[in-house]
C-alpha atoms as a PDB file:
ATOM      1  CA  MET A   1      -4.595 -14.208  -6.575  1.00  0.00           C
ATOM      2  CA  PRO A   2      -2.270 -11.075  -6.903  1.00  0.00           C
ATOM      3  CA  LEU A   3      -1.705  -9.120  -3.546  1.00  0.00           C
ATOM      4  CA  CYS A   4      -2.701  -6.030  -5.440  1.00  0.00           C
ATOM      5  CA  ASP A   5      -6.002  -7.372  -6.345  1.00  0.00           C
ATOM      6  CA  LYS A   6      -7.844  -8.635  -3.294  1.00  0.00           C
ATOM      7  CA  ILE A   7     -11.583  -8.894  -4.344  1.00  0.00           C
ATOM      8  CA  LEU A   8     -13.895 -10.249  -1.937  1.00  0.00           C
ATOM      9  CA  PRO A   9     -17.025 -12.294  -2.599  1.00  0.00           C
ATOM     10  CA  ALA A  10     -19.215  -9.229  -2.028  1.00  0.00           C
ATOM     11  CA  THR A  11     -18.101  -7.693  -5.158  1.00  0.00           C
ATOM     12  CA  VAL A  12     -20.943  -6.724  -7.416  1.00  0.00           C
ATOM     13  CA  ALA A  13     -21.072  -4.894 -10.837  1.00  0.00           C
ATOM     14  CA  ARG A  14     -22.737  -1.451 -11.303  1.00  0.00           C
ATOM     15  CA  MET A  15     -22.851   1.122 -14.083  1.00  0.00           C
ATOM     16  CA  LEU A  16     -20.579   4.102 -13.472  1.00  0.00           C
ATOM     17  CA  LYS A  17     -21.645   7.403 -14.720  1.00  0.00           C
ATOM     18  CA  THR A  18     -21.315  10.100 -11.936  1.00  0.00           C
ATOM     19  CA  VAL A  19     -18.156  10.410  -9.895  1.00  0.00           C
ATOM     20  CA  ALA A  20     -17.852  12.678  -6.882  1.00  0.00           C
ATOM     21  CA  ALA A  21     -14.616  13.538  -5.362  1.00  0.00           C
ATOM     22  CA  LEU A  22     -15.142  14.508  -1.830  1.00  0.00           C
ATOM     23  CA  LEU A  23     -12.422  16.912  -0.450  1.00  0.00           C
ATOM     24  CA  ILE A  24     -11.752  18.119   3.068  1.00  0.00           C
ATOM     25  CA  ASP A  25      -9.277  20.612   4.320  1.00  0.00           C
ATOM     26  CA  TYR A  26      -5.470  19.822   3.727  1.00  0.00           C
ATOM     27  CA  VAL A  27      -6.287  17.271   1.101  1.00  0.00           C
ATOM     28  CA  ALA A  28      -3.319  15.676  -0.742  1.00  0.00           C
ATOM     29  CA  PRO A  29      -3.154  17.177  -4.228  1.00  0.00           C
ATOM     30  CA  PHE A  30      -1.722  14.032  -5.787  1.00  0.00           C
ATOM     31  CA  GLU A  31      -4.135  11.657  -4.471  1.00  0.00           C
ATOM     32  CA  PHE A  32      -6.915  14.023  -5.463  1.00  0.00           C
ATOM     33  CA  GLY A  33      -5.196  14.176  -9.057  1.00  0.00           C
ATOM     34  CA  VAL A  34      -5.268  10.460  -9.277  1.00  0.00           C
ATOM     35  CA  VAL A  35      -9.178  10.536  -9.039  1.00  0.00           C
ATOM     36  CA  ALA A  36      -9.386  13.682 -11.457  1.00  0.00           C
ATOM     37  CA  GLU A  37      -7.043  11.994 -13.854  1.00  0.00           C
ATOM     38  CA  ILE A  38      -9.099   8.875 -14.282  1.00  0.00           C
ATOM     39  CA  PHE A  39     -12.663  10.156 -14.001  1.00  0.00           C
ATOM     40  CA  GLY A  40     -12.322  14.075 -14.628  1.00  0.00           C
ATOM     41  CA  ILE A  41     -10.809  14.054 -18.204  1.00  0.00           C
ATOM     42  CA  ASP A  42     -12.869  13.521 -21.247  1.00  0.00           C
ATOM     43  CA  ARG A  43     -11.491  10.607 -23.096  1.00  0.00           C
ATOM     44  CA  THR A  44     -14.407   9.814 -25.326  1.00  0.00           C
ATOM     45  CA  GLU A  45     -12.245   9.915 -28.615  1.00  0.00           C
ATOM     46  CA  ASP A  46     -10.427   6.799 -27.072  1.00  0.00           C
ATOM     47  CA  GLY A  47     -13.710   4.977 -26.618  1.00  0.00           C
ATOM     48  CA  VAL A  48     -14.098   5.719 -22.872  1.00  0.00           C
ATOM     49  CA  PRO A  49     -17.540   6.718 -21.759  1.00  0.00           C
ATOM     50  CA  ALA A  50     -17.909  10.328 -20.503  1.00  0.00           C
ATOM     51  CA  PHE A  51     -18.240  10.560 -16.694  1.00  0.00           C
ATOM     52  CA  GLU A  52     -19.894  13.381 -14.879  1.00  0.00           C
ATOM     53  CA  PHE A  53     -17.167  14.538 -12.515  1.00  0.00           C
ATOM     54  CA  ARG A  54     -17.954  16.698  -9.456  1.00  0.00           C
ATOM     55  CA  VAL A  55     -15.445  18.316  -6.982  1.00  0.00           C
ATOM     56  CA  CYS A  56     -17.274  18.529  -3.677  1.00  0.00           C
ATOM     57  CA  GLY A  57     -16.329  20.094  -0.281  1.00  0.00           C
ATOM     58  CA  GLU A  58     -18.376  20.682   2.768  1.00  0.00           C
ATOM     59  CA  LYS A  59     -19.402  23.950   1.285  1.00  0.00           C
ATOM     60  CA  ALA A  60     -19.359  24.882  -2.348  1.00  0.00           C
ATOM     61  CA  GLY A  61     -16.879  27.679  -3.393  1.00  0.00           C
ATOM     62  CA  GLU A  62     -15.164  27.645  -0.230  1.00  0.00           C
ATOM     63  CA  PRO A  63     -11.298  27.449  -0.582  1.00  0.00           C
ATOM     64  CA  LEU A  64      -9.685  24.284   0.933  1.00  0.00           C
ATOM     65  CA  PRO A  65      -6.003  24.298   1.863  1.00  0.00           C
ATOM     66  CA  THR A  66      -3.929  21.437   0.796  1.00  0.00           C
ATOM     67  CA  THR A  67      -0.953  19.633   2.096  1.00  0.00           C
ATOM     68  CA  VAL A  68       1.499  21.533  -0.249  1.00  0.00           C
ATOM     69  CA  GLY A  69       0.452  25.214   0.319  1.00  0.00           C
ATOM     70  CA  MET A  70      -1.940  25.675  -2.284  1.00  0.00           C
ATOM     71  CA  GLN A  71      -5.744  25.979  -2.318  1.00  0.00           C
ATOM     72  CA  VAL A  72      -8.699  23.871  -4.101  1.00  0.00           C
ATOM     73  CA  ILE A  73     -12.129  25.351  -4.593  1.00  0.00           C
ATOM     74  CA  PRO A  74     -14.596  22.848  -4.868  1.00  0.00           C
ATOM     75  CA  GLU A  75     -17.549  23.527  -7.297  1.00  0.00           C
ATOM     76  CA  TYR A  76     -19.966  21.510  -5.256  1.00  0.00           C
ATOM     77  CA  GLY A  77     -20.975  21.336  -1.540  1.00  0.00           C
ATOM     78  CA  LEU A  78     -22.134  17.984  -0.064  1.00  0.00           C
ATOM     79  CA  GLU A  79     -25.185  18.002  -2.302  1.00  0.00           C
ATOM     80  CA  GLY A  80     -22.921  17.144  -5.041  1.00  0.00           C
ATOM     81  CA  LEU A  81     -22.802  13.474  -3.611  1.00  0.00           C
ATOM     82  CA  VAL A  82     -26.422  12.959  -4.387  1.00  0.00           C
ATOM     83  CA  GLY A  83     -26.848  10.735  -7.213  1.00  0.00           C
ATOM     84  CA  ALA A  84     -23.148   9.932  -7.621  1.00  0.00           C
ATOM     85  CA  ASP A  85     -22.282   6.415  -8.599  1.00  0.00           C
ATOM     86  CA  LEU A  86     -18.925   6.663  -7.024  1.00  0.00           C
ATOM     87  CA  VAL A  87     -17.787   8.852  -4.197  1.00  0.00           C
ATOM     88  CA  ALA A  88     -13.970   8.931  -4.131  1.00  0.00           C
ATOM     89  CA  VAL A  89     -12.089  10.296  -0.796  1.00  0.00           C
ATOM     90  CA  PRO A  90      -8.631  11.227  -1.478  1.00  0.00           C
ATOM     91  CA  ALA A  91      -5.946  11.435   1.302  1.00  0.00           C
ATOM     92  CA  ALA A  92      -5.813  14.250   3.583  1.00  0.00           C
ATOM     93  CA  THR A  93      -4.067  15.000   6.877  1.00  0.00           C
ATOM     94  CA  ILE A  94      -5.104  12.335   9.462  1.00  0.00           C
ATOM     95  CA  ARG A  95      -6.880  14.056  12.452  1.00  0.00           C
ATOM     96  CA  ASP A  96      -8.789  12.933  15.540  1.00  0.00           C
ATOM     97  CA  GLU A  97     -12.202  14.191  14.349  1.00  0.00           C
ATOM     98  CA  TYR A  98     -13.612  14.837  10.767  1.00  0.00           C
ATOM     99  CA  PRO A  99     -16.523  17.203   9.962  1.00  0.00           C
ATOM    100  CA  ALA A 100     -19.711  15.645  11.169  1.00  0.00           C
ATOM    101  CA  ALA A 101     -21.461  16.799   8.013  1.00  0.00           C
ATOM    102  CA  VAL A 102     -18.876  15.010   5.742  1.00  0.00           C
ATOM    103  CA  LEU A 103     -19.277  11.883   7.702  1.00  0.00           C
ATOM    104  CA  ASP A 104     -23.157  12.187   7.486  1.00  0.00           C
ATOM    105  CA  ALA A 105     -22.887  12.773   3.672  1.00  0.00           C
ATOM    106  CA  LEU A 106     -20.831   9.622   3.215  1.00  0.00           C
ATOM    107  CA  ARG A 107     -23.048   7.465   5.304  1.00  0.00           C
ATOM    108  CA  ALA A 108     -26.077   8.791   3.340  1.00  0.00           C
ATOM    109  CA  ALA A 109     -24.319   8.198  -0.086  1.00  0.00           C
ATOM    110  CA  HIS A 110     -23.574   4.575   0.763  1.00  0.00           C
ATOM    111  CA  ASP A 111     -27.210   4.114   2.068  1.00  0.00           C
ATOM    112  CA  ARG A 112     -28.229   5.366  -1.461  1.00  0.00           C
ATOM    113  CA  GLY A 113     -26.349   2.744  -3.034  1.00  0.00           C
ATOM    114  CA  ALA A 114     -23.017   4.639  -4.164  1.00  0.00           C
ATOM    115  CA  THR A 115     -19.749   2.969  -4.278  1.00  0.00           C
ATOM    116  CA  LEU A 116     -17.156   4.416  -2.029  1.00  0.00           C
ATOM    117  CA  MET A 117     -13.474   4.417  -2.701  1.00  0.00           C
ATOM    118  CA  SER A 118     -10.545   5.869  -0.523  1.00  0.00           C
ATOM    119  CA  VAL A 119      -7.160   6.684  -1.588  1.00  0.00           C
ATOM    120  CA  CYS A 120      -4.348   6.408   0.946  1.00  0.00           C
ATOM    121  CA  SER A 121      -5.300   7.846   4.277  1.00  0.00           C
ATOM    122  CA  GLY A 122      -8.764   8.482   2.985  1.00  0.00           C
ATOM    123  CA  ALA A 123      -9.485   5.172   4.771  1.00  0.00           C
ATOM    124  CA  PHE A 124      -9.413   6.918   8.047  1.00  0.00           C
ATOM    125  CA  VAL A 125     -12.371   9.197   6.983  1.00  0.00           C
ATOM    126  CA  LEU A 126     -14.465   6.026   5.849  1.00  0.00           C
ATOM    127  CA  ALA A 127     -13.532   4.479   9.028  1.00  0.00           C
ATOM    128  CA  ALA A 128     -14.490   7.370  11.239  1.00  0.00           C
ATOM    129  CA  ALA A 129     -17.981   7.405   9.387  1.00  0.00           C
ATOM    130  CA  GLY A 130     -18.353   3.734  10.673  1.00  0.00           C
ATOM    131  CA  LEU A 131     -18.554   2.450   7.131  1.00  0.00           C
ATOM    132  CA  LEU A 132     -15.555   0.012   7.331  1.00  0.00           C
ATOM    133  CA  ASP A 133     -16.931  -1.870  10.372  1.00  0.00           C
ATOM    134  CA  GLY A 134     -17.126  -5.594   9.589  1.00  0.00           C
ATOM    135  CA  ARG A 135     -15.234  -5.157   6.430  1.00  0.00           C
ATOM    136  CA  ALA A 136     -11.653  -5.821   5.022  1.00  0.00           C
ATOM    137  CA  CYS A 137      -9.746  -2.606   3.935  1.00  0.00           C
ATOM    138  CA  THR A 138      -6.321  -1.269   3.436  1.00  0.00           C
ATOM    139  CA  THR A 139      -4.408   2.073   3.697  1.00  0.00           C
ATOM    140  CA  HIS A 140      -0.798   3.207   3.437  1.00  0.00           C
ATOM    141  CA  TRP A 141       1.739   1.033   5.119  1.00  0.00           C
ATOM    142  CA  HIS A 142       3.133   3.882   6.842  1.00  0.00           C
ATOM    143  CA  HIS A 143      -0.450   4.429   8.597  1.00  0.00           C
ATOM    144  CA  VAL A 144      -0.905   0.845   9.538  1.00  0.00           C
ATOM    145  CA  ASP A 145      -0.010   1.070  13.240  1.00  0.00           C
ATOM    146  CA  ARG A 146      -2.110   4.302  13.827  1.00  0.00           C
ATOM    147  CA  PHE A 147      -5.145   2.887  11.954  1.00  0.00           C
ATOM    148  CA  THR A 148      -5.229  -0.340  13.785  1.00  0.00           C
ATOM    149  CA  GLU A 149      -4.759   1.476  17.125  1.00  0.00           C
ATOM    150  CA  ARG A 150      -7.663   3.651  16.386  1.00  0.00           C
ATOM    151  CA  PHE A 151      -9.961   1.101  14.717  1.00  0.00           C
ATOM    152  CA  PRO A 152      -8.958  -2.176  16.311  1.00  0.00           C
ATOM    153  CA  ASP A 153     -12.182  -4.012  15.255  1.00  0.00           C
ATOM    154  CA  ILE A 154     -11.592  -3.290  11.427  1.00  0.00           C
ATOM    155  CA  HIS A 155      -9.744  -5.900   9.409  1.00  0.00           C
ATOM    156  CA  LEU A 156      -6.798  -4.113   7.735  1.00  0.00           C
ATOM    157  CA  ASP A 157      -4.552  -5.907   5.278  1.00  0.00           C
ATOM    158  CA  PRO A 158      -1.268  -4.169   5.124  1.00  0.00           C
ATOM    159  CA  ASP A 159       0.250  -5.945   2.201  1.00  0.00           C
ATOM    160  CA  VAL A 160      -2.178  -5.287  -0.576  1.00  0.00           C
ATOM    161  CA  LEU A 161      -2.469  -2.436  -2.953  1.00  0.00           C
ATOM    162  CA  PHE A 162      -6.298  -2.250  -2.835  1.00  0.00           C
ATOM    163  CA  VAL A 163      -9.113  -4.142  -1.452  1.00  0.00           C
ATOM    164  CA  ASP A 164     -12.415  -4.464  -3.210  1.00  0.00           C
ATOM    165  CA  ASP A 165     -15.130  -5.177  -0.684  1.00  0.00           C
ATOM    166  CA  GLY A 166     -18.184  -4.570  -2.982  1.00  0.00           C
ATOM    167  CA  SER A 167     -19.682  -1.387  -2.351  1.00  0.00           C
ATOM    168  CA  ILE A 168     -16.323  -0.130  -0.741  1.00  0.00           C
ATOM    169  CA  VAL A 169     -13.003  -0.173  -2.355  1.00  0.00           C
ATOM    170  CA  THR A 170      -9.843   1.139  -0.254  1.00  0.00           C
ATOM    171  CA  SER A 171      -6.397   1.464  -1.687  1.00  0.00           C
ATOM    172  CA  ALA A 172      -3.035   1.955  -0.291  1.00  0.00           C
ATOM    173  CA  GLY A 173      -0.524   4.868  -0.701  1.00  0.00           C
ATOM    174  CA  THR A 174      -0.598   7.355  -3.459  1.00  0.00           C
ATOM    175  CA  ALA A 175      -0.236   5.419  -6.791  1.00  0.00           C
ATOM    176  CA  ALA A 176      -2.166   2.437  -5.385  1.00  0.00           C
ATOM    177  CA  GLY A 177      -5.109   4.735  -5.935  1.00  0.00           C
ATOM    178  CA  ILE A 178      -4.520   4.504  -9.603  1.00  0.00           C
ATOM    179  CA  ASP A 179      -4.704   0.678  -9.220  1.00  0.00           C
ATOM    180  CA  ALA A 180      -7.848   0.803  -7.449  1.00  0.00           C
ATOM    181  CA  ALA A 181      -9.505   3.351  -9.620  1.00  0.00           C
ATOM    182  CA  LEU A 182      -8.491   1.350 -12.774  1.00  0.00           C
ATOM    183  CA  HIS A 183      -9.880  -1.698 -11.178  1.00  0.00           C
ATOM    184  CA  LEU A 184     -13.139  -0.002 -10.492  1.00  0.00           C
ATOM    185  CA  VAL A 185     -13.357   1.102 -14.214  1.00  0.00           C
ATOM    186  CA  ARG A 186     -12.605  -2.529 -15.172  1.00  0.00           C
ATOM    187  CA  ARG A 187     -15.102  -4.038 -12.924  1.00  0.00           C
ATOM    188  CA  GLU A 188     -17.945  -1.536 -14.108  1.00  0.00           C
ATOM    189  CA  LEU A 189     -17.069  -0.820 -17.598  1.00  0.00           C
ATOM    190  CA  GLY A 190     -14.726  -3.660 -18.770  1.00  0.00           C
ATOM    191  CA  SER A 191     -11.224  -4.128 -19.575  1.00  0.00           C
ATOM    192  CA  ALA A 192     -10.936  -2.189 -22.785  1.00  0.00           C
ATOM    193  CA  VAL A 193     -12.134   0.944 -21.109  1.00  0.00           C
ATOM    194  CA  ALA A 194      -9.588   0.323 -18.261  1.00  0.00           C
ATOM    195  CA  THR A 195      -6.701  -0.381 -20.593  1.00  0.00           C
ATOM    196  CA  ALA A 196      -7.547   2.731 -22.775  1.00  0.00           C
ATOM    197  CA  ILE A 197      -7.322   5.081 -19.735  1.00  0.00           C
ATOM    198  CA  ALA A 198      -4.099   3.454 -18.564  1.00  0.00           C
ATOM    199  CA  ARG A 199      -2.505   3.745 -21.947  1.00  0.00           C
ATOM    200  CA  ARG A 200      -3.099   7.406 -21.963  1.00  0.00           C
ATOM    201  CA  MET A 201      -1.905   7.676 -18.413  1.00  0.00           C
ATOM    202  CA  VAL A 202       1.183   5.460 -19.474  1.00  0.00           C
ATOM    203  CA  VAL A 203       0.857   3.297 -16.576  1.00  0.00           C
ATOM    204  CA  PRO A 204       0.226  -0.448 -16.430  1.00  0.00           C
ATOM    205  CA  PRO A 205      -3.501  -1.397 -16.563  1.00  0.00           C
ATOM    206  CA  GLN A 206      -2.875  -3.745 -13.475  1.00  0.00           C
ATOM    207  CA  ARG A 207       0.273  -4.168 -11.371  1.00  0.00           C
ATOM    208  CA  ASP A 208       1.466  -7.338  -9.614  1.00  0.00           C
ATOM    209  CA  GLY A 209       2.560  -7.470  -6.016  1.00  0.00           C
ATOM    210  CA  GLY A 210       1.695  -5.629  -2.856  1.00  0.00           C
ATOM    211  CA  GLN A 211       2.772  -2.947  -0.665  1.00  0.00           C
ATOM    212  CA  ARG A 212       5.676  -5.022   0.910  1.00  0.00           C
ATOM    213  CA  GLN A 213       7.911  -4.312  -1.965  1.00  0.00           C
ATOM    214  CA  PHE A 214       7.862  -0.605  -1.210  1.00  0.00           C
ATOM    215  CA  VAL A 215       8.345  -0.766   2.469  1.00  0.00           C
ATOM    216  CA  ASP A 216      11.825   0.129   3.863  1.00  0.00           C
ATOM    217  CA  LEU A 217      12.621  -2.916   5.974  1.00  0.00           C
ATOM    218  CA  PRO A 218      14.701  -1.841   9.010  1.00  0.00           C
ATOM    219  CA  VAL A 219      17.636  -3.776  10.208  1.00  0.00           C
ATOM    220  CA  PRO A 220      16.312  -5.579  13.190  1.00  0.00           C
ATOM    221  CA  ALA A 221      18.230  -3.989  16.132  1.00  0.00           C
ATOM    222  CA  CYS A 222      19.215  -5.174  19.526  1.00  0.00           C
ATOM    223  CA  THR A 223      18.307  -3.533  22.453  1.00  0.00           C
ATOM    224  CA  GLY A 224      21.530  -4.398  24.469  1.00  0.00           C
ATOM    225  CA  ASP A 225      25.121  -4.299  23.346  1.00  0.00           C
ATOM    226  CA  SER A 226      26.364  -7.776  24.438  1.00  0.00           C
ATOM    227  CA  LEU A 227      25.808  -9.350  20.890  1.00  0.00           C
ATOM    228  CA  THR A 228      26.822  -6.567  18.934  1.00  0.00           C
ATOM    229  CA  PRO A 229      30.137  -7.910  17.884  1.00  0.00           C
ATOM    230  CA  VAL A 230      28.549 -11.142  16.847  1.00  0.00           C
ATOM    231  CA  LEU A 231      25.762  -9.316  14.867  1.00  0.00           C
ATOM    232  CA  THR A 232      28.319  -7.154  13.126  1.00  0.00           C
ATOM    233  CA  TRP A 233      30.600 -10.228  12.253  1.00  0.00           C
ATOM    234  CA  MET A 234      27.238 -12.079  10.775  1.00  0.00           C
ATOM    235  CA  LEU A 235      26.408  -9.126   8.784  1.00  0.00           C
ATOM    236  CA  GLU A 236      30.159  -8.994   7.255  1.00  0.00           C
ATOM    237  CA  ASN A 237      29.937 -12.716   6.518  1.00  0.00           C
ATOM    238  CA  LEU A 238      26.494 -13.213   5.287  1.00  0.00           C
ATOM    239  CA  ALA A 239      27.610 -15.726   2.584  1.00  0.00           C
ATOM    240  CA  GLU A 240      29.026 -17.882   5.083  1.00  0.00           C
ATOM    241  CA  GLU A 241      27.108 -20.723   6.939  1.00  0.00           C
ATOM    242  CA  HIS A 242      26.017 -19.994  10.379  1.00  0.00           C
ATOM    243  CA  THR A 243      24.935 -22.457  13.034  1.00  0.00           C
ATOM    244  CA  VAL A 244      23.757 -21.621  16.514  1.00  0.00           C
ATOM    245  CA  ALA A 245      26.497 -23.747  18.049  1.00  0.00           C
ATOM    246  CA  ALA A 246      29.204 -21.765  16.079  1.00  0.00           C
ATOM    247  CA  LEU A 247      27.604 -18.276  16.862  1.00  0.00           C
ATOM    248  CA  ALA A 248      27.434 -19.368  20.548  1.00  0.00           C
ATOM    249  CA  ARG A 249      31.065 -20.362  20.771  1.00  0.00           C
ATOM    250  CA  ARG A 250      31.749 -16.978  19.251  1.00  0.00           C
ATOM    251  CA  ALA A 251      29.825 -15.097  21.844  1.00  0.00           C
ATOM    252  CA  ALA A 252      31.337 -17.305  24.573  1.00  0.00           C
ATOM    253  CA  MET A 253      27.887 -18.634  25.611  1.00  0.00           C
ATOM    254  CA  SER A 254      26.274 -21.857  25.940  1.00  0.00           C
ATOM    255  CA  GLU A 255      23.838 -22.769  22.866  1.00  0.00           C
ATOM    256  CA  ARG A 256      20.801 -22.071  25.289  1.00  0.00           C
ATOM    257  CA  THR A 257      22.090 -18.859  26.823  1.00  0.00           C
ATOM    258  CA  PHE A 258      22.941 -17.684  23.296  1.00  0.00           C
ATOM    259  CA  ALA A 259      19.448 -18.408  21.867  1.00  0.00           C
ATOM    260  CA  ARG A 260      17.772 -17.006  24.921  1.00  0.00           C
ATOM    261  CA  ARG A 261      19.913 -13.802  24.742  1.00  0.00           C
ATOM    262  CA  PHE A 262      19.568 -13.391  20.952  1.00  0.00           C
ATOM    263  CA  ALA A 263      15.770 -13.626  21.091  1.00  0.00           C
ATOM    264  CA  ALA A 264      15.758 -10.994  23.955  1.00  0.00           C
ATOM    265  CA  GLU A 265      17.897  -8.658  22.352  1.00  0.00           C
ATOM    266  CA  THR A 266      16.639  -8.854  18.688  1.00  0.00           C
ATOM    267  CA  GLY A 267      13.212 -10.168  19.130  1.00  0.00           C
ATOM    268  CA  THR A 268      13.657 -13.070  16.847  1.00  0.00           C
ATOM    269  CA  THR A 269      15.656 -16.150  16.262  1.00  0.00           C
ATOM    270  CA  PRO A 270      19.274 -16.348  14.889  1.00  0.00           C
ATOM    271  CA  HIS A 271      18.009 -18.144  11.800  1.00  0.00           C
ATOM    272  CA  ARG A 272      15.068 -15.392  10.993  1.00  0.00           C
ATOM    273  CA  TRP A 273      17.579 -12.585  11.824  1.00  0.00           C
ATOM    274  CA  LEU A 274      20.082 -13.894   9.404  1.00  0.00           C
ATOM    275  CA  SER A 275      17.369 -14.769   6.655  1.00  0.00           C
ATOM    276  CA  THR A 276      16.114 -11.171   6.707  1.00  0.00           C
ATOM    277  CA  GLN A 277      19.585  -9.582   6.573  1.00  0.00           C
ATOM    278  CA  ARG A 278      20.332 -11.915   3.614  1.00  0.00           C
ATOM    279  CA  VAL A 279      17.140 -10.653   2.081  1.00  0.00           C
ATOM    280  CA  LEU A 280      18.014  -7.067   2.586  1.00  0.00           C
ATOM    281  CA  HIS A 281      21.383  -7.454   1.184  1.00  0.00           C
ATOM    282  CA  ALA A 282      19.766  -9.188  -1.925  1.00  0.00           C
ATOM    283  CA  ARG A 283      17.388  -6.260  -2.502  1.00  0.00           C
ATOM    284  CA  THR A 284      20.530  -3.960  -2.602  1.00  0.00           C
ATOM    285  CA  LEU A 285      22.450  -6.216  -5.001  1.00  0.00           C
ATOM    286  CA  LEU A 286      19.242  -6.529  -7.127  1.00  0.00           C
ATOM    287  CA  GLU A 287      19.011  -2.622  -7.381  1.00  0.00           C
ATOM    288  CA  GLU A 288      22.538  -1.914  -7.789  1.00  0.00           C
ATOM    289  CA  THR A 289      24.243  -4.727  -9.772  1.00  0.00           C
ATOM    290  CA  SER A 290      23.525  -6.934 -12.839  1.00  0.00           C
ATOM    291  CA  MET A 291      24.329 -10.221 -11.071  1.00  0.00           C
ATOM    292  CA  THR A 292      21.972 -13.058 -11.870  1.00  0.00           C
ATOM    293  CA  VAL A 293      19.668 -14.341  -9.245  1.00  0.00           C
ATOM    294  CA  ASP A 294      21.721 -17.232  -8.691  1.00  0.00           C
ATOM    295  CA  GLU A 295      24.681 -15.013  -8.234  1.00  0.00           C
ATOM    296  CA  VAL A 296      22.808 -12.816  -5.930  1.00  0.00           C
ATOM    297  CA  ALA A 297      21.670 -15.851  -3.872  1.00  0.00           C
ATOM    298  CA  ARG A 298      25.411 -17.089  -3.346  1.00  0.00           C
ATOM    299  CA  ARG A 299      26.664 -13.618  -2.369  1.00  0.00           C
ATOM    300  CA  CYS A 300      23.941 -13.445   0.258  1.00  0.00           C
ATOM    301  CA  GLY A 301      24.362 -16.830   1.673  1.00  0.00           C
ATOM    302  CA  PHE A 302      21.485 -18.694   0.035  1.00  0.00           C
ATOM    303  CA  SER A 303      22.543 -21.863  -1.465  1.00  0.00           C
ATOM    304  CA  THR A 304      20.247 -21.665  -4.511  1.00  0.00           C
ATOM    305  CA  GLY A 305      18.398 -19.112  -6.512  1.00  0.00           C
ATOM    306  CA  ALA A 306      15.237 -20.957  -5.629  1.00  0.00           C
ATOM    307  CA  LEU A 307      15.869 -20.523  -1.741  1.00  0.00           C
ATOM    308  CA  LEU A 308      16.354 -16.823  -2.286  1.00  0.00           C
ATOM    309  CA  ARG A 309      13.297 -16.595  -4.110  1.00  0.00           C
ATOM    310  CA  HIS A 310      11.226 -18.390  -1.432  1.00  0.00           C
ATOM    311  CA  HIS A 311      12.635 -16.104   1.372  1.00  0.00           C
ATOM    312  CA  PHE A 312      12.431 -12.852  -0.810  1.00  0.00           C
ATOM    313  CA  GLN A 313       8.882 -13.483  -1.830  1.00  0.00           C
ATOM    314  CA  LYS A 314       7.967 -14.293   1.770  1.00  0.00           C
ATOM    315  CA  LEU A 315       9.448 -11.041   3.126  1.00  0.00           C
ATOM    316  CA  VAL A 316       9.196  -8.640   0.334  1.00  0.00           C
ATOM    317  CA  GLY A 317       5.950  -9.884  -1.348  1.00  0.00           C
ATOM    318  CA  VAL A 318       7.330 -10.221  -4.920  1.00  0.00           C
ATOM    319  CA  ALA A 319       9.854 -12.232  -6.876  1.00  0.00           C
ATOM    320  CA  PRO A 320      13.390 -10.916  -7.046  1.00  0.00           C
ATOM    321  CA  ALA A 321      13.162 -10.434 -10.919  1.00  0.00           C
ATOM    322  CA  ASP A 322      10.036  -8.548 -10.445  1.00  0.00           C
ATOM    323  CA  TYR A 323      11.618  -6.425  -7.646  1.00  0.00           C
ATOM    324  CA  ARG A 324      14.554  -5.807  -9.956  1.00  0.00           C
ATOM    325  CA  ARG A 325      12.201  -4.580 -12.780  1.00  0.00           C
ATOM    326  CA  THR A 326      10.687  -2.038 -10.416  1.00  0.00           C
ATOM    327  CA  PHE A 327      13.691  -0.754  -8.599  1.00  0.00           C
ATOM    328  CA  ALA A 328      16.869  -1.564 -10.487  1.00  0.00           C
ATOM    329  CA  GLY A 329      18.951   1.676 -10.561  1.00  0.00           C
ATOM    330  CA  ARG A 330      16.935   3.418  -7.879  1.00  0.00           C
ATOM    331  CA  SER A 331      19.670   3.877  -5.491  1.00  0.00           C
ATOM    332  CA  ALA A 332      22.017   5.213  -8.118  1.00  0.00           C
END
């Protein structure tokens, strides 16, 4: 099953007619815009059923600041959640506490049978309401550590674009909200409706891959400086074969001492560290050159394209060719 489409057995089908977007102060306009674009625009001429779209805040008519220096004025208060088939919670600034009335309204909506959906950091709001307890979910990869530290008993999957856990759907950062929302449309109203909306938005109806392909993978650093010359030499000679014995000789250490020191300073083994560096170099070559996958493999030190594909898929989450289609020319 694709990483972007993690659908758990609890998934059930419902009709989707009324959608409420629940905003809190310092809401992220793009994430709110995702929900509004899919559910708030009349596309009946394209065969898309009309949605009743409600923009809700804690109090109707009270301006809410956003993360970009503008304001949004919700037409509805929390009463707008009553009767909604879907309550969407866009991203907002993460905080230690959220308005109690907002959390109570979300719990009540869930108890009434509404489907809940979060976009990006909106998962923090659902978690604060206790609605993700015992469930699988996701959020933006940048917030994973903060989320798991705050909610250690919630199972967070950091690799997927969205998780469908039946009555609650959570999505990763920003554009992953489009994937989750289109999935909900597909689930409730069928593929034809989801495809019609996607076509008007000029986005794919369903993306492959997960969040890992968008994560900037840092070069594993060493905490000391005794192996710096060896690490630098390895980076400059990725295409060559490197054995622990040869590297230990270069570091003027026994193999056992070298392996122990390497793990202490980099947090991993020489083989894993080298494989990671080769994949990182392969990402750059896929973005910036027209080399074939086999050529990239040889340039990075993988003996075959198949071996590159194996390590690339394992670390980045997508195949090299798929990564290139997404990111080619990005750096330029």
